[in-house]
Amino acid sequence: MATNPIPETGLLRLAQIVGNPKADPPIPPIIPVGKTSFLNGVKAGRYPAPIKLGPRTTAWRASDIRRIAEQGPDAASYGPADMRPLVEGRARQRAASRREVA
């Protein structure tokens, strides 16, 4: 199977990370897990949080995916310490949106 090169910098979409055998030409996976397993891992903190580029566009930092690919998916852990800035940022966003509505 061909390998999927990871760029040095930039962003990757989900199909580039978990692969898409139905694409023409097929996209080999960087991380050999299914789409749902990867997204559940993101939600659980096992994989890095995505970056929202738009309402229907999500991407991940190539450097984060490269780290997982080098360590292996079982070694990856983005636990509470890594997620604290993300969670705090989301809490601030929710509070601001509540103030706008009120």
Protein backbone atom coordinates (compact mmCIF):
# COMPACT_ATOMS: atom_id res chain seq x y z
CA MET A 1 0.00 0.00 0.00
CA ALA A 2 1.21 3.50 -0.77
CA THR A 3 1.96 5.85 2.07
CA ASN A 4 0.27 9.18 2.57
CA PRO A 5 2.96 11.85 3.04
CA ILE A 6 2.36 14.29 5.90
CA PRO A 7 3.23 17.90 5.07
CA GLU A 8 5.73 19.67 7.33
CA THR A 9 3.23 22.42 8.16
CA GLY A 10 -0.37 23.12 7.39
CA LEU A 11 -3.68 21.42 7.96
CA LEU A 12 -5.13 18.01 7.12
CA ARG A 13 -8.75 17.06 6.51
CA LEU A 14 -10.33 13.91 7.94
CA ALA A 15 -10.13 11.93 4.68
CA GLN A 16 -6.38 12.59 4.53
CA ILE A 17 -5.93 11.32 8.11
CA VAL A 18 -8.05 8.15 8.09
CA GLY A 19 -7.89 7.57 4.33
CA ASN A 20 -10.58 7.01 1.73
CA PRO A 21 -10.35 3.83 -0.38
CA LYS A 22 -13.31 4.92 -2.54
CA ALA A 23 -11.62 8.13 -3.74
CA ASP A 24 -10.11 8.22 -7.20
CA PRO A 25 -7.21 7.70 -6.70
CA PRO A 26 -7.60 6.01 -3.28
CA ILE A 27 -6.23 7.95 -0.30
CA PRO A 28 -4.16 5.75 2.05
CA PRO A 29 -4.61 6.36 5.79
CA ILE A 30 -2.01 8.12 7.93
CA ILE A 31 -3.63 6.74 11.08
CA PRO A 32 -5.16 3.28 10.51
CA VAL A 33 -8.46 3.79 12.34
CA GLY A 34 -11.97 4.30 11.05
CA LYS A 35 -13.62 7.70 10.72
CA THR A 36 -15.99 7.17 13.67
CA SER A 37 -13.21 5.77 15.88
CA PHE A 38 -11.05 8.80 15.13
CA LEU A 39 -13.86 11.27 15.87
CA ASN A 40 -14.74 9.42 19.09
CA GLY A 41 -11.05 9.58 20.03
CA VAL A 42 -11.08 13.34 19.45
CA LYS A 43 -14.12 13.68 21.70
CA ALA A 44 -12.47 11.54 24.40
CA GLY A 45 -9.21 13.50 24.21
CA ARG A 46 -7.19 10.64 22.73
CA TYR A 47 -6.55 12.56 19.51
CA PRO A 48 -6.01 16.33 19.05
CA ALA A 49 -8.91 18.74 18.78
CA PRO A 50 -9.73 20.01 15.29
CA ILE A 51 -9.69 23.55 13.98
CA LYS A 52 -12.99 24.80 12.58
CA LEU A 53 -12.35 26.65 9.32
CA GLY A 54 -16.02 27.20 8.58
CA PRO A 55 -19.46 25.84 9.44
CA ARG A 56 -18.83 22.60 7.52
CA THR A 57 -15.03 22.58 7.27
CA THR A 58 -12.81 21.00 9.92
CA ALA A 59 -9.08 20.30 9.82
CA TRP A 60 -6.27 19.16 12.10
CA ARG A 61 -2.72 20.52 12.43
CA ALA A 62 -0.27 18.46 10.39
CA SER A 63 2.24 18.62 13.28
CA ASP A 64 -0.28 16.97 15.67
CA ILE A 65 -1.08 14.21 13.18
CA ARG A 66 2.63 13.69 12.47
CA ARG A 67 3.25 13.17 16.21
CA ILE A 68 0.51 10.51 16.37
CA ALA A 69 1.83 8.78 13.25
CA GLU A 70 5.36 8.65 14.69
CA GLN A 71 4.27 7.44 18.16
CA GLY A 72 1.44 5.21 16.98
CA PRO A 73 -2.26 5.73 17.66
CA ASP A 74 -2.13 3.82 20.96
CA ALA A 75 0.58 6.11 22.38
CA ALA A 76 -1.29 9.32 21.56
CA SER A 77 -2.90 11.10 24.48
CA TYR A 78 -4.28 14.57 24.56
CA GLY A 79 -5.46 14.51 28.15
CA PRO A 80 -6.84 17.23 30.41
CA ALA A 81 -3.61 19.26 30.53
CA ASP A 82 -3.48 19.49 26.73
CA MET A 83 -7.19 20.24 26.43
CA ARG A 84 -7.44 22.87 29.19
CA PRO A 85 -6.86 25.89 26.86
CA LEU A 86 -9.37 24.46 24.39
CA VAL A 87 -12.04 23.86 27.04
CA GLU A 88 -11.50 27.27 28.64
CA GLY A 89 -11.72 28.93 25.24
CA ARG A 90 -14.99 27.18 24.45
CA ALA A 91 -16.41 28.15 27.84
CA ARG A 92 -15.59 31.81 27.12
CA GLN A 93 -17.23 31.54 23.69
CA ARG A 94 -20.40 30.06 25.19
CA ALA A 95 -20.57 32.76 27.85
CA ALA A 96 -20.12 35.48 25.22
CA SER A 97 -22.84 34.02 23.00
CA ARG A 98 -25.24 33.88 25.98
CA ARG A 99 -24.60 37.57 26.65
CA GLU A 100 -25.36 38.40 23.01
CA VAL A 101 -28.66 36.49 23.13
CA ALA A 102 -29.77 38.05 26.41
